[in-house]
Amino acid sequence: MTRPALFVVKATIAPALEAAFNQWYDTVRSKEAAQVPGCLGMRRYAALPLESAHAGSEPWQYMVCYEFDSEESLQAFVRSDTLRVMTQDYNARFGAAGDRARLAYRQIYP
């Protein structure tokens, strides 16, 4: 059974570039993601502070989740020239203005 997989990017952006970062992600990057083979879509999130002893604190300000139809599609994307070009564009615009982490997950349930 083929299950979806997620490519997650977490980032913190300098306050001076935050508005440009959000506009760019919502207009430019979202259109690029829609063209990636196997990418079903993307969703963006901003960190939400929780007032509970049971919740950890999130060191990242933003998170974007790209959902892929399969682990194979995600792996192909990670190895692709498309991701290299997308990364170069991101780094040119925001690389020095913050920090970033990339993670990948495979669906295990249901």
PDB file of N, CA and C in Angstrom:
ATOM      1  N   MET A   1       0.839  -1.188   0.000  1.00  0.00           N
ATOM      2  CA  MET A   1       0.000   0.000   0.000  1.00  0.00           C
ATOM      3  C   MET A   1       0.882   1.250   0.000  1.00  0.00           C
ATOM      4  N   THR A   2       0.639   2.133  -0.929  1.00  0.00           N
ATOM      5  CA  THR A   2       1.369   3.396  -0.993  1.00  0.00           C
ATOM      6  C   THR A   2       0.706   4.384  -0.046  1.00  0.00           C
ATOM      7  N   ARG A   3       1.526   5.015   0.781  1.00  0.00           N
ATOM      8  CA  ARG A   3       1.012   5.998   1.738  1.00  0.00           C
ATOM      9  C   ARG A   3       1.636   7.363   1.475  1.00  0.00           C
ATOM     10  N   PRO A   4       0.932   8.410   1.840  1.00  0.00           N
ATOM     11  CA  PRO A   4       1.487   9.748   1.672  1.00  0.00           C
ATOM     12  C   PRO A   4       2.744   9.965   2.524  1.00  0.00           C
ATOM     13  N   ALA A   5       3.500  10.967   2.150  1.00  0.00           N
ATOM     14  CA  ALA A   5       4.684  11.367   2.904  1.00  0.00           C
ATOM     15  C   ALA A   5       4.712  12.891   2.970  1.00  0.00           C
ATOM     16  N   LEU A   6       5.360  13.412   3.996  1.00  0.00           N
ATOM     17  CA  LEU A   6       5.454  14.848   4.187  1.00  0.00           C
ATOM     18  C   LEU A   6       6.898  15.321   4.122  1.00  0.00           C
ATOM     19  N   PHE A   7       7.095  16.449   3.469  1.00  0.00           N
ATOM     20  CA  PHE A   7       8.362  17.168   3.498  1.00  0.00           C
ATOM     21  C   PHE A   7       8.071  18.432   4.287  1.00  0.00           C
ATOM     22  N   VAL A   8       8.734  18.596   5.415  1.00  0.00           N
ATOM     23  CA  VAL A   8       8.443  19.688   6.337  1.00  0.00           C
ATOM     24  C   VAL A   8       9.649  20.627   6.386  1.00  0.00           C
ATOM     25  N   VAL A   9       9.378  21.912   6.241  1.00  0.00           N
ATOM     26  CA  VAL A   9      10.418  22.921   6.375  1.00  0.00           C
ATOM     27  C   VAL A   9       9.998  23.844   7.506  1.00  0.00           C
ATOM     28  N   LYS A  10      10.897  24.008   8.475  1.00  0.00           N
ATOM     29  CA  LYS A  10      10.645  24.914   9.593  1.00  0.00           C
ATOM     30  C   LYS A  10      11.651  26.050   9.502  1.00  0.00           C
ATOM     31  N   ALA A  11      11.197  27.267   9.770  1.00  0.00           N
ATOM     32  CA  ALA A  11      12.070  28.424   9.610  1.00  0.00           C
ATOM     33  C   ALA A  11      11.752  29.508  10.624  1.00  0.00           C
ATOM     34  N   THR A  12      12.773  30.274  10.940  1.00  0.00           N
ATOM     35  CA  THR A  12      12.637  31.502  11.697  1.00  0.00           C
ATOM     36  C   THR A  12      13.227  32.601  10.831  1.00  0.00           C
ATOM     37  N   ILE A  13      12.495  33.676  10.678  1.00  0.00           N
ATOM     38  CA  ILE A  13      12.863  34.760   9.767  1.00  0.00           C
ATOM     39  C   ILE A  13      13.056  36.058  10.546  1.00  0.00           C
ATOM     40  N   ALA A  14      14.039  36.842  10.138  1.00  0.00           N
ATOM     41  CA  ALA A  14      14.274  38.148  10.764  1.00  0.00           C
ATOM     42  C   ALA A  14      13.024  39.016  10.609  1.00  0.00           C
ATOM     43  N   PRO A  15      12.661  39.743  11.650  1.00  0.00           N
ATOM     44  CA  PRO A  15      11.441  40.573  11.603  1.00  0.00           C
ATOM     45  C   PRO A  15      11.372  41.519  10.403  1.00  0.00           C
ATOM     46  N   ALA A  16      12.490  42.055   9.970  1.00  0.00           N
ATOM     47  CA  ALA A  16      12.481  43.002   8.853  1.00  0.00           C
ATOM     48  C   ALA A  16      12.063  42.352   7.538  1.00  0.00           C
ATOM     49  N   LEU A  17      12.222  41.035   7.416  1.00  0.00           N
ATOM     50  CA  LEU A  17      11.869  40.339   6.173  1.00  0.00           C
ATOM     51  C   LEU A  17      10.618  39.476   6.293  1.00  0.00           C
ATOM     52  N   GLU A  18       9.980  39.504   7.440  1.00  0.00           N
ATOM     53  CA  GLU A  18       8.841  38.622   7.684  1.00  0.00           C
ATOM     54  C   GLU A  18       7.678  38.855   6.722  1.00  0.00           C
ATOM     55  N   ALA A  19       7.303  40.077   6.465  1.00  0.00           N
ATOM     56  CA  ALA A  19       6.188  40.351   5.548  1.00  0.00           C
ATOM     57  C   ALA A  19       6.529  39.878   4.133  1.00  0.00           C
ATOM     58  N   ALA A  20       7.738  40.146   3.669  1.00  0.00           N
ATOM     59  CA  ALA A  20       8.160  39.697   2.337  1.00  0.00           C
ATOM     60  C   ALA A  20       8.205  38.176   2.268  1.00  0.00           C
ATOM     61  N   PHE A  21       8.663  37.545   3.334  1.00  0.00           N
ATOM     62  CA  PHE A  21       8.726  36.084   3.407  1.00  0.00           C
ATOM     63  C   PHE A  21       7.327  35.482   3.256  1.00  0.00           C
ATOM     64  N   ASN A  22       6.376  35.994   4.010  1.00  0.00           N
ATOM     65  CA  ASN A  22       5.013  35.461   3.961  1.00  0.00           C
ATOM     66  C   ASN A  22       4.357  35.694   2.602  1.00  0.00           C
ATOM     67  N   GLN A  23       4.540  36.853   2.030  1.00  0.00           N
ATOM     68  CA  GLN A  23       3.959  37.121   0.713  1.00  0.00           C
ATOM     69  C   GLN A  23       4.593  36.215  -0.347  1.00  0.00           C
ATOM     70  N   TRP A  24       5.909  36.077  -0.314  1.00  0.00           N
ATOM     71  CA  TRP A  24       6.609  35.230  -1.278  1.00  0.00           C
ATOM     72  C   TRP A  24       6.150  33.781  -1.160  1.00  0.00           C
ATOM     73  N   TYR A  25       6.048  33.273   0.060  1.00  0.00           N
ATOM     74  CA  TYR A  25       5.624  31.888   0.247  1.00  0.00           C
ATOM     75  C   TYR A  25       4.204  31.671  -0.263  1.00  0.00           C
ATOM     76  N   ASP A  26       3.324  32.617   0.017  1.00  0.00           N
ATOM     77  CA  ASP A  26       1.916  32.465  -0.357  1.00  0.00           C
ATOM     78  C   ASP A  26       1.656  32.661  -1.857  1.00  0.00           C
ATOM     79  N   THR A  27       2.556  33.330  -2.544  1.00  0.00           N
ATOM     80  CA  THR A  27       2.332  33.587  -3.970  1.00  0.00           C
ATOM     81  C   THR A  27       3.296  32.804  -4.856  1.00  0.00           C
ATOM     82  N   VAL A  28       4.585  32.987  -4.663  1.00  0.00           N
ATOM     83  CA  VAL A  28       5.594  32.346  -5.517  1.00  0.00           C
ATOM     84  C   VAL A  28       5.779  30.876  -5.180  1.00  0.00           C
ATOM     85  N   ARG A  29       6.111  30.593  -3.924  1.00  0.00           N
ATOM     86  CA  ARG A  29       6.437  29.209  -3.554  1.00  0.00           C
ATOM     87  C   ARG A  29       5.230  28.283  -3.698  1.00  0.00           C
ATOM     88  N   SER A  30       4.059  28.757  -3.390  1.00  0.00           N
ATOM     89  CA  SER A  30       2.869  27.913  -3.516  1.00  0.00           C
ATOM     90  C   SER A  30       2.638  27.488  -4.966  1.00  0.00           C
ATOM     91  N   LYS A  31       2.895  28.392  -5.911  1.00  0.00           N
ATOM     92  CA  LYS A  31       2.757  28.043  -7.333  1.00  0.00           C
ATOM     93  C   LYS A  31       3.822  27.046  -7.766  1.00  0.00           C
ATOM     94  N   GLU A  32       5.042  27.204  -7.259  1.00  0.00           N
ATOM     95  CA  GLU A  32       6.113  26.252  -7.574  1.00  0.00           C
ATOM     96  C   GLU A  32       5.767  24.862  -7.045  1.00  0.00           C
ATOM     97  N   ALA A  33       5.267  24.805  -5.825  1.00  0.00           N
ATOM     98  CA  ALA A  33       4.924  23.509  -5.222  1.00  0.00           C
ATOM     99  C   ALA A  33       3.842  22.799  -6.022  1.00  0.00           C
ATOM    100  N   ALA A  34       2.919  23.559  -6.561  1.00  0.00           N
ATOM    101  CA  ALA A  34       1.830  22.968  -7.346  1.00  0.00           C
ATOM    102  C   ALA A  34       2.336  22.294  -8.620  1.00  0.00           C
ATOM    103  N   GLN A  35       3.537  22.631  -9.062  1.00  0.00           N
ATOM    104  CA  GLN A  35       4.116  22.053 -10.278  1.00  0.00           C
ATOM    105  C   GLN A  35       5.002  20.832 -10.017  1.00  0.00           C
ATOM    106  N   VAL A  36       5.261  20.521  -8.762  1.00  0.00           N
ATOM    107  CA  VAL A  36       6.156  19.411  -8.416  1.00  0.00           C
ATOM    108  C   VAL A  36       5.415  18.086  -8.573  1.00  0.00           C
ATOM    109  N   PRO A  37       5.954  17.164  -9.371  1.00  0.00           N
ATOM    110  CA  PRO A  37       5.298  15.860  -9.554  1.00  0.00           C
ATOM    111  C   PRO A  37       5.114  15.129  -8.215  1.00  0.00           C
ATOM    112  N   GLY A  38       3.915  14.665  -7.983  1.00  0.00           N
ATOM    113  CA  GLY A  38       3.607  13.917  -6.766  1.00  0.00           C
ATOM    114  C   GLY A  38       3.249  14.767  -5.570  1.00  0.00           C
ATOM    115  N   CYS A  39       3.438  16.092  -5.654  1.00  0.00           N
ATOM    116  CA  CYS A  39       3.093  16.974  -4.535  1.00  0.00           C
ATOM    117  C   CYS A  39       1.602  17.263  -4.595  1.00  0.00           C
ATOM    118  N   LEU A  40       0.901  16.862  -3.557  1.00  0.00           N
ATOM    119  CA  LEU A  40      -0.554  17.033  -3.499  1.00  0.00           C
ATOM    120  C   LEU A  40      -0.963  18.419  -3.015  1.00  0.00           C
ATOM    121  N   GLY A  41      -0.028  19.124  -2.394  1.00  0.00           N
ATOM    122  CA  GLY A  41      -0.323  20.456  -1.892  1.00  0.00           C
ATOM    123  C   GLY A  41       0.588  20.816  -0.750  1.00  0.00           C
ATOM    124  N   MET A  42       0.444  22.042  -0.303  1.00  0.00           N
ATOM    125  CA  MET A  42       1.233  22.516   0.833  1.00  0.00           C
ATOM    126  C   MET A  42       0.344  23.314   1.764  1.00  0.00           C
ATOM    127  N   ARG A  43       0.710  23.282   3.028  1.00  0.00           N
ATOM    128  CA  ARG A  43       0.020  24.081   4.048  1.00  0.00           C
ATOM    129  C   ARG A  43       1.073  24.758   4.896  1.00  0.00           C
ATOM    130  N   ARG A  44       0.790  26.024   5.238  1.00  0.00           N
ATOM    131  CA  ARG A  44       1.725  26.788   6.064  1.00  0.00           C
ATOM    132  C   ARG A  44       1.131  27.033   7.439  1.00  0.00           C
ATOM    133  N   TYR A  45       2.027  27.096   8.428  1.00  0.00           N
ATOM    134  CA  TYR A  45       1.616  27.290   9.812  1.00  0.00           C
ATOM    135  C   TYR A  45       2.569  28.269  10.493  1.00  0.00           C
ATOM    136  N   ALA A  46       2.048  28.989  11.476  1.00  0.00           N
ATOM    137  CA  ALA A  46       2.865  29.836  12.351  1.00  0.00           C
ATOM    138  C   ALA A  46       2.818  29.212  13.740  1.00  0.00           C
ATOM    139  N   ALA A  47       3.917  29.279  14.451  1.00  0.00           N
ATOM    140  CA  ALA A  47       3.999  28.692  15.788  1.00  0.00           C
ATOM    141  C   ALA A  47       2.970  29.322  16.712  1.00  0.00           C
ATOM    142  N   LEU A  48       2.391  28.484  17.526  1.00  0.00           N
ATOM    143  CA  LEU A  48       1.372  28.910  18.475  1.00  0.00           C
ATOM    144  C   LEU A  48       1.863  28.577  19.876  1.00  0.00           C
ATOM    145  N   PRO A  49       2.072  29.569  20.722  1.00  0.00           N
ATOM    146  CA  PRO A  49       2.519  29.272  22.085  1.00  0.00           C
ATOM    147  C   PRO A  49       1.403  28.576  22.870  1.00  0.00           C
ATOM    148  N   LEU A  50       1.782  27.544  23.593  1.00  0.00           N
ATOM    149  CA  LEU A  50       0.810  26.809  24.405  1.00  0.00           C
ATOM    150  C   LEU A  50       1.107  27.023  25.880  1.00  0.00           C
ATOM    151  N   GLU A  51       0.050  27.182  26.641  1.00  0.00           N
ATOM    152  CA  GLU A  51       0.191  27.407  28.081  1.00  0.00           C
ATOM    153  C   GLU A  51      -0.133  26.121  28.821  1.00  0.00           C
ATOM    154  N   SER A  52       0.753  25.151  28.677  1.00  0.00           N
ATOM    155  CA  SER A  52       0.525  23.862  29.312  1.00  0.00           C
ATOM    156  C   SER A  52       1.860  23.216  29.640  1.00  0.00           C
ATOM    157  N   ALA A  53       1.906  22.559  30.770  1.00  0.00           N
ATOM    158  CA  ALA A  53       3.122  21.842  31.154  1.00  0.00           C
ATOM    159  C   ALA A  53       3.344  20.630  30.257  1.00  0.00           C
ATOM    160  N   HIS A  54       2.328  20.218  29.506  1.00  0.00           N
ATOM    161  CA  HIS A  54       2.428  19.026  28.664  1.00  0.00           C
ATOM    162  C   HIS A  54       2.893  19.337  27.243  1.00  0.00           C
ATOM    163  N   ALA A  55       3.045  20.608  26.917  1.00  0.00           N
ATOM    164  CA  ALA A  55       3.426  20.985  25.551  1.00  0.00           C
ATOM    165  C   ALA A  55       4.866  21.482  25.532  1.00  0.00           C
ATOM    166  N   GLY A  56       5.591  21.073  24.519  1.00  0.00           N
ATOM    167  CA  GLY A  56       6.950  21.571  24.346  1.00  0.00           C
ATOM    168  C   GLY A  56       6.924  22.932  23.676  1.00  0.00           C
ATOM    169  N   SER A  57       8.044  23.620  23.730  1.00  0.00           N
ATOM    170  CA  SER A  57       8.099  24.903  23.039  1.00  0.00           C
ATOM    171  C   SER A  57       8.707  24.695  21.658  1.00  0.00           C
ATOM    172  N   GLU A  58       8.185  25.394  20.686  1.00  0.00           N
ATOM    173  CA  GLU A  58       8.619  25.289  19.297  1.00  0.00           C
ATOM    174  C   GLU A  58       9.690  26.346  19.046  1.00  0.00           C
ATOM    175  N   PRO A  59      10.903  25.935  18.661  1.00  0.00           N
ATOM    176  CA  PRO A  59      11.946  26.927  18.407  1.00  0.00           C
ATOM    177  C   PRO A  59      11.817  27.618  17.055  1.00  0.00           C
ATOM    178  N   TRP A  60      10.931  27.109  16.195  1.00  0.00           N
ATOM    179  CA  TRP A  60      10.769  27.661  14.851  1.00  0.00           C
ATOM    180  C   TRP A  60       9.529  28.530  14.789  1.00  0.00           C
ATOM    181  N   GLN A  61       9.600  29.586  14.024  1.00  0.00           N
ATOM    182  CA  GLN A  61       8.513  30.541  13.879  1.00  0.00           C
ATOM    183  C   GLN A  61       7.460  30.064  12.872  1.00  0.00           C
ATOM    184  N   TYR A  62       7.910  29.443  11.772  1.00  0.00           N
ATOM    185  CA  TYR A  62       7.009  28.999  10.707  1.00  0.00           C
ATOM    186  C   TYR A  62       7.289  27.549  10.331  1.00  0.00           C
ATOM    187  N   MET A  63       6.245  26.904   9.796  1.00  0.00           N
ATOM    188  CA  MET A  63       6.379  25.542   9.292  1.00  0.00           C
ATOM    189  C   MET A  63       5.533  25.423   8.031  1.00  0.00           C
ATOM    190  N   VAL A  64       6.083  24.767   7.030  1.00  0.00           N
ATOM    191  CA  VAL A  64       5.316  24.441   5.834  1.00  0.00           C
ATOM    192  C   VAL A  64       5.407  22.936   5.639  1.00  0.00           C
ATOM    193  N   CYS A  65       4.258  22.333   5.344  1.00  0.00           N
ATOM    194  CA  CYS A  65       4.190  20.887   5.097  1.00  0.00           C
ATOM    195  C   CYS A  65       3.780  20.672   3.645  1.00  0.00           C
ATOM    196  N   TYR A  66       4.649  20.007   2.910  1.00  0.00           N
ATOM    197  CA  TYR A  66       4.344  19.626   1.534  1.00  0.00           C
ATOM    198  C   TYR A  66       3.919  18.163   1.576  1.00  0.00           C
ATOM    199  N   GLU A  67       2.708  17.872   1.140  1.00  0.00           N
ATOM    200  CA  GLU A  67       2.232  16.490   1.151  1.00  0.00           C
ATOM    201  C   GLU A  67       2.485  15.859  -0.214  1.00  0.00           C
ATOM    202  N   PHE A  68       3.114  14.687  -0.180  1.00  0.00           N
ATOM    203  CA  PHE A  68       3.395  13.932  -1.395  1.00  0.00           C
ATOM    204  C   PHE A  68       2.550  12.672  -1.427  1.00  0.00           C
ATOM    205  N   ASP A  69       2.240  12.219  -2.625  1.00  0.00           N
ATOM    206  CA  ASP A  69       1.400  11.033  -2.777  1.00  0.00           C
ATOM    207  C   ASP A  69       2.103   9.758  -2.323  1.00  0.00           C
ATOM    208  N   SER A  70       3.436   9.791  -2.219  1.00  0.00           N
ATOM    209  CA  SER A  70       4.184   8.606  -1.797  1.00  0.00           C
ATOM    210  C   SER A  70       5.576   9.010  -1.328  1.00  0.00           C
ATOM    211  N   GLU A  71       6.193   8.117  -0.609  1.00  0.00           N
ATOM    212  CA  GLU A  71       7.574   8.328  -0.190  1.00  0.00           C
ATOM    213  C   GLU A  71       8.486   8.413  -1.415  1.00  0.00           C
ATOM    214  N   GLU A  72       8.183   7.635  -2.435  1.00  0.00           N
ATOM    215  CA  GLU A  72       8.986   7.648  -3.654  1.00  0.00           C
ATOM    216  C   GLU A  72       8.958   9.022  -4.328  1.00  0.00           C
ATOM    217  N   SER A  73       7.783   9.637  -4.395  1.00  0.00           N
ATOM    218  CA  SER A  73       7.671  10.977  -4.974  1.00  0.00           C
ATOM    219  C   SER A  73       8.459  11.990  -4.159  1.00  0.00           C
ATOM    220  N   LEU A  74       8.377  11.886  -2.844  1.00  0.00           N
ATOM    221  CA  LEU A  74       9.122  12.795  -1.980  1.00  0.00           C
ATOM    222  C   LEU A  74      10.618  12.614  -2.199  1.00  0.00           C
ATOM    223  N   GLN A  75      11.092  11.365  -2.234  1.00  0.00           N
ATOM    224  CA  GLN A  75      12.520  11.103  -2.438  1.00  0.00           C
ATOM    225  C   GLN A  75      12.991  11.641  -3.789  1.00  0.00           C
ATOM    226  N   ALA A  76      12.172  11.487  -4.815  1.00  0.00           N
ATOM    227  CA  ALA A  76      12.527  12.016  -6.133  1.00  0.00           C
ATOM    228  C   ALA A  76      12.649  13.538  -6.074  1.00  0.00           C
ATOM    229  N   PHE A  77      11.748  14.189  -5.365  1.00  0.00           N
ATOM    230  CA  PHE A  77      11.799  15.638  -5.216  1.00  0.00           C
ATOM    231  C   PHE A  77      13.068  16.070  -4.486  1.00  0.00           C
ATOM    232  N   VAL A  78      13.408  15.383  -3.407  1.00  0.00           N
ATOM    233  CA  VAL A  78      14.594  15.735  -2.621  1.00  0.00           C
ATOM    234  C   VAL A  78      15.867  15.630  -3.463  1.00  0.00           C
ATOM    235  N   ARG A  79      15.892  14.698  -4.401  1.00  0.00           N
ATOM    236  CA  ARG A  79      17.064  14.518  -5.274  1.00  0.00           C
ATOM    237  C   ARG A  79      17.026  15.402  -6.522  1.00  0.00           C
ATOM    238  N   SER A  80      15.967  16.137  -6.726  1.00  0.00           N
ATOM    239  CA  SER A  80      15.733  16.826  -8.000  1.00  0.00           C
ATOM    240  C   SER A  80      16.458  18.162  -8.133  1.00  0.00           C
ATOM    241  N   ASP A  81      16.647  18.545  -9.391  1.00  0.00           N
ATOM    242  CA  ASP A  81      17.141  19.885  -9.692  1.00  0.00           C
ATOM    243  C   ASP A  81      16.123  20.934  -9.261  1.00  0.00           C
ATOM    244  N   THR A  82      14.849  20.579  -9.278  1.00  0.00           N
ATOM    245  CA  THR A  82      13.793  21.511  -8.854  1.00  0.00           C
ATOM    246  C   THR A  82      14.027  21.969  -7.431  1.00  0.00           C
ATOM    247  N   LEU A  83      14.300  21.038  -6.525  1.00  0.00           N
ATOM    248  CA  LEU A  83      14.552  21.421  -5.133  1.00  0.00           C
ATOM    249  C   LEU A  83      15.830  22.248  -5.032  1.00  0.00           C
ATOM    250  N   ARG A  84      16.849  21.907  -5.787  1.00  0.00           N
ATOM    251  CA  ARG A  84      18.086  22.691  -5.753  1.00  0.00           C
ATOM    252  C   ARG A  84      17.816  24.144  -6.170  1.00  0.00           C
ATOM    253  N   VAL A  85      17.039  24.336  -7.212  1.00  0.00           N
ATOM    254  CA  VAL A  85      16.714  25.686  -7.678  1.00  0.00           C
ATOM    255  C   VAL A  85      15.847  26.407  -6.644  1.00  0.00           C
ATOM    256  N   MET A  86      14.865  25.718  -6.086  1.00  0.00           N
ATOM    257  CA  MET A  86      14.010  26.315  -5.065  1.00  0.00           C
ATOM    258  C   MET A  86      14.844  26.735  -3.853  1.00  0.00           C
ATOM    259  N   THR A  87      15.800  25.899  -3.472  1.00  0.00           N
ATOM    260  CA  THR A  87      16.663  26.198  -2.326  1.00  0.00           C
ATOM    261  C   THR A  87      17.547  27.407  -2.614  1.00  0.00           C
ATOM    262  N   GLN A  88      18.106  27.477  -3.803  1.00  0.00           N
ATOM    263  CA  GLN A  88      18.940  28.623  -4.171  1.00  0.00           C
ATOM    264  C   GLN A  88      18.129  29.920  -4.119  1.00  0.00           C
ATOM    265  N   ASP A  89      16.899  29.881  -4.613  1.00  0.00           N
ATOM    266  CA  ASP A  89      16.046  31.062  -4.578  1.00  0.00           C
ATOM    267  C   ASP A  89      15.763  31.469  -3.137  1.00  0.00           C
ATOM    268  N   TYR A  90      15.379  30.511  -2.303  1.00  0.00           N
ATOM    269  CA  TYR A  90      15.108  30.788  -0.891  1.00  0.00           C
ATOM    270  C   TYR A  90      16.338  31.399  -0.216  1.00  0.00           C
ATOM    271  N   ASN A  91      17.496  30.770  -0.434  1.00  0.00           N
ATOM    272  CA  ASN A  91      18.721  31.254   0.204  1.00  0.00           C
ATOM    273  C   ASN A  91      19.067  32.666  -0.234  1.00  0.00           C
ATOM    274  N   ALA A  92      18.870  32.977  -1.516  1.00  0.00           N
ATOM    275  CA  ALA A  92      19.153  34.323  -2.015  1.00  0.00           C
ATOM    276  C   ALA A  92      18.237  35.358  -1.368  1.00  0.00           C
ATOM    277  N   ARG A  93      16.997  34.976  -1.118  1.00  0.00           N
ATOM    278  CA  ARG A  93      16.026  35.919  -0.553  1.00  0.00           C
ATOM    279  C   ARG A  93      16.091  36.004   0.968  1.00  0.00           C
ATOM    280  N   PHE A  94      16.210  34.840   1.632  1.00  0.00           N
ATOM    281  CA  PHE A  94      16.025  34.802   3.085  1.00  0.00           C
ATOM    282  C   PHE A  94      17.099  34.034   3.848  1.00  0.00           C
ATOM    283  N   GLY A  95      18.041  33.432   3.161  1.00  0.00           N
ATOM    284  CA  GLY A  95      19.024  32.569   3.802  1.00  0.00           C
ATOM    285  C   GLY A  95      19.778  33.204   4.948  1.00  0.00           C
ATOM    286  N   ALA A  96      20.197  34.446   4.775  1.00  0.00           N
ATOM    287  CA  ALA A  96      20.951  35.124   5.825  1.00  0.00           C
ATOM    288  C   ALA A  96      20.032  35.765   6.864  1.00  0.00           C
ATOM    289  N   ALA A  97      18.728  35.724   6.626  1.00  0.00           N
ATOM    290  CA  ALA A  97      17.780  36.414   7.499  1.00  0.00           C
ATOM    291  C   ALA A  97      17.138  35.494   8.530  1.00  0.00           C
ATOM    292  N   GLY A  98      17.585  34.259   8.595  1.00  0.00           N
ATOM    293  CA  GLY A  98      16.979  33.353   9.554  1.00  0.00           C
ATOM    294  C   GLY A  98      17.637  31.993   9.541  1.00  0.00           C
ATOM    295  N   ASP A  99      16.961  31.053  10.143  1.00  0.00           N
ATOM    296  CA  ASP A  99      17.462  29.692  10.254  1.00  0.00           C
ATOM    297  C   ASP A  99      16.382  28.756   9.741  1.00  0.00           C
ATOM    298  N   ARG A 100      16.786  27.529   9.329  1.00  0.00           N
ATOM    299  CA  ARG A 100      15.823  26.624   8.712  1.00  0.00           C
ATOM    300  C   ARG A 100      16.217  25.180   8.974  1.00  0.00           C
ATOM    301  N   ALA A 101      15.202  24.320   9.055  1.00  0.00           N
ATOM    302  CA  ALA A 101      15.411  22.872   9.174  1.00  0.00           C
ATOM    303  C   ALA A 101      14.464  22.178   8.212  1.00  0.00           C
ATOM    304  N   ARG A 102      14.915  21.047   7.676  1.00  0.00           N
ATOM    305  CA  ARG A 102      14.078  20.243   6.776  1.00  0.00           C
ATOM    306  C   ARG A 102      13.941  18.852   7.366  1.00  0.00           C
ATOM    307  N   LEU A 103      12.728  18.330   7.289  1.00  0.00           N
ATOM    308  CA  LEU A 103      12.418  17.011   7.843  1.00  0.00           C
ATOM    309  C   LEU A 103      11.505  16.270   6.888  1.00  0.00           C
ATOM    310  N   ALA A 104      11.511  14.964   6.960  1.00  0.00           N
ATOM    311  CA  ALA A 104      10.616  14.158   6.118  1.00  0.00           C
ATOM    312  C   ALA A 104       9.951  13.091   6.973  1.00  0.00           C
ATOM    313  N   TYR A 105       8.697  12.815   6.655  1.00  0.00           N
ATOM    314  CA  TYR A 105       7.915  11.833   7.409  1.00  0.00           C
ATOM    315  C   TYR A 105       7.133  10.950   6.459  1.00  0.00           C
ATOM    316  N   ARG A 106       7.017   9.690   6.808  1.00  0.00           N
ATOM    317  CA  ARG A 106       6.129   8.787   6.068  1.00  0.00           C
ATOM    318  C   ARG A 106       4.921   8.525   6.946  1.00  0.00           C
ATOM    319  N   GLN A 107       3.763   8.394   6.339  1.00  0.00           N
ATOM    320  CA  GLN A 107       2.549   8.108   7.091  1.00  0.00           C
ATOM    321  C   GLN A 107       2.598   6.666   7.578  1.00  0.00           C
ATOM    322  N   ILE A 108       2.282   6.464   8.849  1.00  0.00           N
ATOM    323  CA  ILE A 108       2.294   5.107   9.409  1.00  0.00           C
ATOM    324  C   ILE A 108       0.917   4.654   9.892  1.00  0.00           C
ATOM    325  N   TYR A 109      -0.015   5.578  10.041  1.00  0.00           N
ATOM    326  CA  TYR A 109      -1.377   5.231  10.448  1.00  0.00           C
ATOM    327  C   TYR A 109      -2.310   6.307   9.949  1.00  0.00           C
ATOM    328  N   PRO A 110      -3.444   6.046   9.464  1.00  0.00           N
ATOM    329  CA  PRO A 110      -3.988   4.719   9.218  1.00  0.00           C
ATOM    330  C   PRO A 110      -3.364   4.112   7.987  1.00  0.00           C
TER     331      PRO A 110
END
